Amino acid sequence: MPSRKQRRRQAKERRHEYEYVYVDEEGRELEVDAEQLDERKNGKAKRSEPARAAKRGGRAVQPPSWNRVGKRALIFAPLMFFTVYLLGGDSLSLPAVVAQTVLLLAVFLPFSYFMDSLTYRTYQRRLNRDKR
């Protein structure tokens, strides 16, 4: 009898609709017929089918862009301002709070772009590895 964790995992797999594809030797993704999928689920897969099946889904990672980083800055700048204002207490004047926020943004923006590019390169490497 499956454990509670296994039952939850199986229920989750039944809830989500995955699109199954086969990856051939050249790295192309081929759609799976409903009959083949039913046979595969029942453990009666044909020998002529490729051995490896992949689930297609999830979110595609976009290439890094300064526009996206700017939009992110518009979201985080007020949060940074209020955080510096609250943590500064009475010791920081308004120009000092603004200067601290600008300094934080000067560090945050390039770091955010760097993280986007790192994520995109990792995603591209994973796609290339899966195609092989």
N, C-alpha and C. Protein backbone atom coordinates (compact mmCIF):
# COMPACT_ATOMS: atom_id res chain seq x y z
N MET A 1 0.84 -1.18 0.00
CA MET A 1 0.00 0.00 0.00
C MET A 1 0.89 1.24 0.00
N PRO A 2 0.60 2.21 -0.88
CA PRO A 2 1.43 3.42 -0.94
C PRO A 2 1.30 4.25 0.32
N SER A 3 2.38 4.93 0.65
CA SER A 3 2.35 5.80 1.83
C SER A 3 1.52 7.05 1.51
N ARG A 4 1.27 7.85 2.52
CA ARG A 4 0.49 9.06 2.34
C ARG A 4 1.20 10.02 1.38
N LYS A 5 2.51 10.11 1.50
CA LYS A 5 3.28 10.98 0.62
C LYS A 5 3.19 10.51 -0.83
N GLN A 6 3.27 9.21 -1.03
CA GLN A 6 3.16 8.66 -2.38
C GLN A 6 1.77 8.89 -2.96
N ARG A 7 0.74 8.76 -2.13
CA ARG A 7 -0.63 9.00 -2.61
C ARG A 7 -0.82 10.46 -3.01
N ARG A 8 -0.26 11.39 -2.21
CA ARG A 8 -0.36 12.81 -2.54
C ARG A 8 0.36 13.10 -3.85
N ARG A 9 1.53 12.53 -4.03
CA ARG A 9 2.29 12.74 -5.25
C ARG A 9 1.54 12.20 -6.47
N GLN A 10 0.94 11.03 -6.33
CA GLN A 10 0.17 10.45 -7.43
C GLN A 10 -1.05 11.31 -7.75
N ALA A 11 -1.71 11.81 -6.72
CA ALA A 11 -2.87 12.67 -6.93
C ALA A 11 -2.46 13.95 -7.64
N LYS A 12 -1.32 14.50 -7.28
CA LYS A 12 -0.83 15.72 -7.92
C LYS A 12 -0.52 15.46 -9.39
N GLU A 13 0.07 14.32 -9.70
CA GLU A 13 0.37 13.99 -11.09
C GLU A 13 -0.91 13.84 -11.90
N ARG A 14 -1.96 13.35 -11.29
CA ARG A 14 -3.23 13.21 -12.00
C ARG A 14 -3.92 14.56 -12.20
N ARG A 15 -3.70 15.50 -11.27
CA ARG A 15 -4.32 16.82 -11.36
C ARG A 15 -3.77 17.64 -12.51
N HIS A 16 -2.46 17.59 -12.71
CA HIS A 16 -1.80 18.41 -13.71
C HIS A 16 -1.77 17.69 -15.04
N GLU A 17 -2.11 18.42 -16.08
CA GLU A 17 -2.08 17.83 -17.40
C GLU A 17 -0.73 18.14 -18.03
N TYR A 18 0.05 17.12 -18.25
CA TYR A 18 1.34 17.27 -18.89
C TYR A 18 1.22 16.88 -20.34
N GLU A 19 2.00 17.52 -21.16
CA GLU A 19 2.04 17.18 -22.57
C GLU A 19 3.29 16.33 -22.78
N TYR A 20 3.12 15.08 -23.16
CA TYR A 20 4.24 14.19 -23.34
C TYR A 20 4.78 14.28 -24.75
N VAL A 21 6.08 14.29 -24.88
CA VAL A 21 6.74 14.28 -26.19
C VAL A 21 7.89 13.30 -26.13
N TYR A 22 8.31 12.82 -27.30
CA TYR A 22 9.50 12.00 -27.41
C TYR A 22 10.59 12.83 -28.04
N VAL A 23 11.81 12.61 -27.61
CA VAL A 23 12.96 13.29 -28.18
C VAL A 23 13.71 12.27 -29.01
N ASP A 24 13.84 12.52 -30.33
CA ASP A 24 14.54 11.56 -31.18
C ASP A 24 16.04 11.78 -31.10
N GLU A 25 16.80 11.02 -31.90
CA GLU A 25 18.26 11.07 -31.85
C GLU A 25 18.82 12.43 -32.23
N GLU A 26 18.09 13.16 -33.09
CA GLU A 26 18.57 14.46 -33.55
C GLU A 26 18.13 15.59 -32.63
N GLY A 27 17.41 15.30 -31.58
CA GLY A 27 16.99 16.31 -30.61
C GLY A 27 15.66 16.94 -30.91
N ARG A 28 14.93 16.44 -31.89
CA ARG A 28 13.62 16.99 -32.21
C ARG A 28 12.58 16.39 -31.28
N GLU A 29 11.60 17.21 -30.92
CA GLU A 29 10.52 16.73 -30.06
C GLU A 29 9.36 16.27 -30.93
N LEU A 30 8.89 15.05 -30.71
CA LEU A 30 7.79 14.48 -31.47
C LEU A 30 6.59 14.28 -30.56
N GLU A 31 5.42 14.67 -31.04
CA GLU A 31 4.19 14.52 -30.25
C GLU A 31 3.88 13.04 -30.05
N VAL A 32 3.15 12.72 -28.99
CA VAL A 32 2.75 11.36 -28.65
C VAL A 32 1.26 11.23 -28.90
N ASP A 33 0.87 10.16 -29.58
CA ASP A 33 -0.55 9.89 -29.79
C ASP A 33 -1.19 9.49 -28.47
N ALA A 34 -2.50 9.69 -28.37
CA ALA A 34 -3.23 9.33 -27.16
C ALA A 34 -3.16 7.82 -26.91
N GLU A 35 -3.19 7.02 -27.99
CA GLU A 35 -3.11 5.56 -27.84
C GLU A 35 -1.76 5.15 -27.26
N GLN A 36 -0.70 5.75 -27.78
CA GLN A 36 0.64 5.43 -27.28
C GLN A 36 0.78 5.82 -25.82
N LEU A 37 0.19 6.96 -25.47
CA LEU A 37 0.28 7.42 -24.09
C LEU A 37 -0.47 6.48 -23.16
N ASP A 38 -1.67 6.03 -23.57
CA ASP A 38 -2.43 5.08 -22.76
C ASP A 38 -1.68 3.77 -22.61
N GLU A 39 -1.08 3.29 -23.69
CA GLU A 39 -0.30 2.05 -23.63
C GLU A 39 0.89 2.22 -22.70
N ARG A 40 1.52 3.38 -22.81
CA ARG A 40 2.71 3.63 -21.98
C ARG A 40 2.32 3.69 -20.49
N LYS A 41 1.19 4.31 -20.19
CA LYS A 41 0.74 4.39 -18.79
C LYS A 41 0.40 3.01 -18.25
N ASN A 42 -0.10 2.16 -19.11
CA ASN A 42 -0.46 0.79 -18.68
C ASN A 42 0.74 -0.14 -18.70
N GLY A 43 1.90 0.36 -19.09
CA GLY A 43 3.10 -0.47 -19.09
C GLY A 43 3.22 -1.36 -20.31
N LYS A 44 2.52 -1.03 -21.39
CA LYS A 44 2.55 -1.83 -22.59
C LYS A 44 3.14 -1.04 -23.75
N ALA A 45 4.22 -0.33 -23.52
CA ALA A 45 4.81 0.49 -24.56
C ALA A 45 5.40 -0.39 -25.66
N LYS A 46 5.29 0.08 -26.89
CA LYS A 46 5.82 -0.68 -28.02
C LYS A 46 7.33 -0.59 -28.02
N ARG A 47 7.98 -1.62 -28.55
CA ARG A 47 9.43 -1.64 -28.62
C ARG A 47 9.96 -0.64 -29.65
N SER A 48 9.17 -0.30 -30.65
CA SER A 48 9.65 0.59 -31.69
C SER A 48 9.69 2.05 -31.25
N GLU A 49 9.08 2.38 -30.12
CA GLU A 49 9.08 3.75 -29.63
C GLU A 49 10.45 4.12 -29.09
N PRO A 50 10.80 5.39 -29.19
CA PRO A 50 12.05 5.83 -28.56
C PRO A 50 11.97 5.61 -27.05
N ALA A 51 13.10 5.35 -26.44
CA ALA A 51 13.12 4.99 -25.03
C ALA A 51 12.89 6.17 -24.11
N ARG A 52 13.21 7.38 -24.57
CA ARG A 52 13.17 8.52 -23.67
C ARG A 52 11.97 9.40 -23.97
N ALA A 53 11.17 9.68 -22.96
CA ALA A 53 10.04 10.60 -23.08
C ALA A 53 10.30 11.79 -22.17
N ALA A 54 9.91 12.96 -22.62
CA ALA A 54 10.12 14.15 -21.81
C ALA A 54 8.79 14.86 -21.59
N LYS A 55 8.68 15.52 -20.46
CA LYS A 55 7.50 16.33 -20.18
C LYS A 55 7.81 17.75 -20.62
N ARG A 56 6.90 18.30 -21.38
CA ARG A 56 7.09 19.67 -21.82
C ARG A 56 6.15 20.55 -21.02
N GLY A 57 6.64 21.59 -20.51
CA GLY A 57 5.82 22.51 -19.73
C GLY A 57 6.71 23.43 -18.94
N GLY A 58 6.15 24.16 -18.06
CA GLY A 58 6.92 25.08 -17.26
C GLY A 58 7.02 26.43 -17.95
N ARG A 59 7.81 27.26 -17.40
CA ARG A 59 7.94 28.62 -17.89
C ARG A 59 9.26 28.78 -18.62
N ALA A 60 9.21 29.35 -19.80
CA ALA A 60 10.43 29.62 -20.56
C ALA A 60 11.12 30.84 -19.97
N VAL A 61 12.43 30.77 -19.86
CA VAL A 61 13.20 31.88 -19.30
C VAL A 61 13.50 32.86 -20.41
N GLN A 62 13.18 34.12 -20.19
CA GLN A 62 13.40 35.17 -21.18
C GLN A 62 14.84 35.65 -21.12
N PRO A 63 15.39 36.11 -22.25
CA PRO A 63 16.75 36.68 -22.21
C PRO A 63 16.76 37.94 -21.35
N PRO A 64 17.90 38.25 -20.77
CA PRO A 64 17.96 39.42 -19.88
C PRO A 64 17.74 40.71 -20.66
N SER A 65 17.06 41.66 -20.02
CA SER A 65 16.86 42.97 -20.66
C SER A 65 16.84 44.05 -19.57
N TRP A 66 17.35 45.21 -19.96
CA TRP A 66 17.38 46.33 -19.03
C TRP A 66 15.99 46.88 -18.79
N ASN A 67 15.08 46.70 -19.75
CA ASN A 67 13.69 47.14 -19.54
C ASN A 67 13.06 46.39 -18.37
N ARG A 68 13.25 45.08 -18.34
CA ARG A 68 12.69 44.27 -17.26
C ARG A 68 13.33 44.64 -15.93
N VAL A 69 14.63 44.91 -15.95
CA VAL A 69 15.33 45.31 -14.73
C VAL A 69 14.80 46.67 -14.25
N GLY A 70 14.53 47.58 -15.20
CA GLY A 70 13.97 48.88 -14.83
C GLY A 70 12.60 48.76 -14.20
N LYS A 71 11.76 47.88 -14.75
CA LYS A 71 10.44 47.67 -14.16
C LYS A 71 10.56 47.11 -12.75
N ARG A 72 11.51 46.19 -12.58
CA ARG A 72 11.75 45.62 -11.25
C ARG A 72 12.21 46.70 -10.28
N ALA A 73 13.03 47.63 -10.78
CA ALA A 73 13.50 48.73 -9.93
C ALA A 73 12.35 49.63 -9.50
N LEU A 74 11.39 49.83 -10.41
CA LEU A 74 10.23 50.65 -10.04
C LEU A 74 9.40 49.99 -8.94
N ILE A 75 9.44 48.69 -8.89
CA ILE A 75 8.72 47.97 -7.83
C ILE A 75 9.49 48.05 -6.51
N PHE A 76 10.82 47.83 -6.58
CA PHE A 76 11.61 47.72 -5.36
C PHE A 76 12.08 49.06 -4.80
N ALA A 77 12.15 50.10 -5.61
CA ALA A 77 12.65 51.39 -5.12
C ALA A 77 11.82 51.93 -3.95
N PRO A 78 10.49 51.94 -4.05
CA PRO A 78 9.72 52.41 -2.88
C PRO A 78 9.91 51.52 -1.65
N LEU A 79 10.01 50.22 -1.88
CA LEU A 79 10.24 49.32 -0.74
C LEU A 79 11.58 49.61 -0.07
N MET A 80 12.61 49.84 -0.89
CA MET A 80 13.93 50.18 -0.34
C MET A 80 13.88 51.52 0.41
N PHE A 81 13.17 52.49 -0.18
CA PHE A 81 13.07 53.80 0.45
C PHE A 81 12.43 53.70 1.84
N PHE A 82 11.29 52.99 1.91
CA PHE A 82 10.61 52.88 3.20
C PHE A 82 11.41 52.06 4.20
N THR A 83 12.13 51.05 3.73
CA THR A 83 12.96 50.26 4.62
C THR A 83 14.08 51.11 5.21
N VAL A 84 14.77 51.88 4.36
CA VAL A 84 15.85 52.75 4.85
C VAL A 84 15.27 53.82 5.79
N TYR A 85 14.10 54.35 5.43
CA TYR A 85 13.47 55.38 6.26
C TYR A 85 13.12 54.83 7.65
N LEU A 86 12.54 53.62 7.68
CA LEU A 86 12.16 53.03 8.97
C LEU A 86 13.36 52.60 9.79
N LEU A 87 14.39 52.06 9.14
CA LEU A 87 15.57 51.61 9.88
C LEU A 87 16.46 52.77 10.30
N GLY A 88 16.40 53.88 9.57
CA GLY A 88 17.24 55.04 9.88
C GLY A 88 16.78 55.79 11.10
N GLY A 89 15.49 55.74 11.35
CA GLY A 89 14.96 56.45 12.52
C GLY A 89 15.11 57.95 12.38
N ASP A 90 15.40 58.62 13.49
CA ASP A 90 15.55 60.08 13.50
C ASP A 90 16.94 60.52 13.06
N SER A 91 17.87 59.60 12.96
CA SER A 91 19.25 59.99 12.65
C SER A 91 19.46 60.33 11.17
N LEU A 92 18.57 59.89 10.28
CA LEU A 92 18.74 60.17 8.85
C LEU A 92 17.72 61.21 8.39
N SER A 93 18.23 62.21 7.67
CA SER A 93 17.33 63.20 7.08
C SER A 93 16.77 62.65 5.77
N LEU A 94 15.81 63.33 5.19
CA LEU A 94 15.19 62.88 3.95
C LEU A 94 16.21 62.78 2.80
N PRO A 95 17.10 63.79 2.61
CA PRO A 95 18.10 63.63 1.55
C PRO A 95 19.04 62.43 1.78
N ALA A 96 19.33 62.14 3.04
CA ALA A 96 20.19 60.99 3.34
C ALA A 96 19.47 59.68 3.02
N VAL A 97 18.18 59.61 3.29
CA VAL A 97 17.40 58.42 2.96
C VAL A 97 17.35 58.22 1.45
N VAL A 98 17.14 59.33 0.71
CA VAL A 98 17.11 59.25 -0.76
C VAL A 98 18.47 58.81 -1.28
N ALA A 99 19.55 59.35 -0.71
CA ALA A 99 20.90 58.97 -1.14
C ALA A 99 21.16 57.48 -0.87
N GLN A 100 20.74 57.00 0.28
CA GLN A 100 20.91 55.57 0.59
C GLN A 100 20.11 54.70 -0.38
N THR A 101 18.91 55.13 -0.72
CA THR A 101 18.07 54.38 -1.66
C THR A 101 18.72 54.35 -3.04
N VAL A 102 19.26 55.46 -3.49
CA VAL A 102 19.94 55.52 -4.78
C VAL A 102 21.16 54.60 -4.77
N LEU A 103 21.89 54.58 -3.68
CA LEU A 103 23.04 53.69 -3.55
C LEU A 103 22.60 52.23 -3.61
N LEU A 104 21.53 51.89 -2.92
CA LEU A 104 21.02 50.52 -2.96
C LEU A 104 20.59 50.13 -4.38
N LEU A 105 19.93 51.06 -5.08
CA LEU A 105 19.51 50.79 -6.45
C LEU A 105 20.71 50.66 -7.38
N ALA A 106 21.77 51.42 -7.13
CA ALA A 106 22.97 51.32 -7.95
C ALA A 106 23.62 49.94 -7.82
N VAL A 107 23.44 49.29 -6.70
CA VAL A 107 23.95 47.93 -6.52
C VAL A 107 22.92 46.91 -7.03
N PHE A 108 21.65 47.18 -6.80
CA PHE A 108 20.59 46.24 -7.13
C PHE A 108 20.41 46.05 -8.63
N LEU A 109 20.46 47.12 -9.41
CA LEU A 109 20.18 47.03 -10.84
C LEU A 109 21.18 46.17 -11.60
N PRO A 110 22.50 46.40 -11.49
CA PRO A 110 23.43 45.52 -12.20
C PRO A 110 23.38 44.08 -11.68
N PHE A 111 23.18 43.93 -10.39
CA PHE A 111 23.10 42.58 -9.82
C PHE A 111 21.88 41.85 -10.37
N SER A 112 20.77 42.55 -10.50
CA SER A 112 19.56 41.95 -11.04
C SER A 112 19.76 41.54 -12.49
N TYR A 113 20.41 42.38 -13.29
CA TYR A 113 20.69 42.03 -14.69
C TYR A 113 21.63 40.83 -14.76
N PHE A 114 22.64 40.81 -13.89
CA PHE A 114 23.57 39.68 -13.85
C PHE A 114 22.85 38.38 -13.51
N MET A 115 21.94 38.42 -12.55
CA MET A 115 21.19 37.22 -12.17
C MET A 115 20.28 36.76 -13.31
N ASP A 116 19.66 37.70 -14.02
CA ASP A 116 18.83 37.34 -15.17
C ASP A 116 19.68 36.65 -16.24
N SER A 117 20.85 37.19 -16.53
CA SER A 117 21.70 36.60 -17.56
C SER A 117 22.22 35.23 -17.11
N LEU A 118 22.52 35.09 -15.84
CA LEU A 118 22.97 33.79 -15.33
C LEU A 118 21.86 32.75 -15.44
N THR A 119 20.66 33.14 -15.09
CA THR A 119 19.51 32.25 -15.19
C THR A 119 19.25 31.85 -16.64
N TYR A 120 19.34 32.82 -17.55
CA TYR A 120 19.10 32.55 -18.97
C TYR A 120 20.16 31.60 -19.54
N ARG A 121 21.43 31.84 -19.20
CA ARG A 121 22.49 30.95 -19.70
C ARG A 121 22.32 29.53 -19.18
N THR A 122 21.94 29.40 -17.91
CA THR A 122 21.71 28.07 -17.33
C THR A 122 20.55 27.39 -18.04
N TYR A 123 19.49 28.13 -18.32
CA TYR A 123 18.33 27.58 -19.03
C TYR A 123 18.73 27.12 -20.43
N GLN A 124 19.53 27.93 -21.13
CA GLN A 124 19.96 27.56 -22.48
C GLN A 124 20.84 26.31 -22.45
N ARG A 125 21.74 26.23 -21.48
CA ARG A 125 22.59 25.04 -21.35
C ARG A 125 21.75 23.80 -21.10
N ARG A 126 20.74 23.91 -20.25
CA ARG A 126 19.88 22.78 -19.94
C ARG A 126 19.10 22.35 -21.18
N LEU A 127 18.61 23.32 -21.96
CA LEU A 127 17.90 22.98 -23.20
C LEU A 127 18.82 22.25 -24.18
N ASN A 128 20.03 22.74 -24.33
CA ASN A 128 20.98 22.10 -25.25
C ASN A 128 21.36 20.70 -24.77
N ARG A 129 21.49 20.54 -23.45
CA ARG A 129 21.83 19.22 -22.91
C ARG A 129 20.68 18.23 -23.12
N ASP A 130 19.45 18.70 -22.96
CA ASP A 130 18.29 17.83 -23.13
C ASP A 130 18.07 17.44 -24.59
N LYS A 131 18.51 18.30 -25.51
CA LYS A 131 18.33 17.99 -26.93
C LYS A 131 19.27 16.88 -27.39
N ARG A 132 20.38 16.71 -26.70
CA ARG A 132 21.33 15.66 -27.09
C ARG A 132 20.87 14.31 -26.72
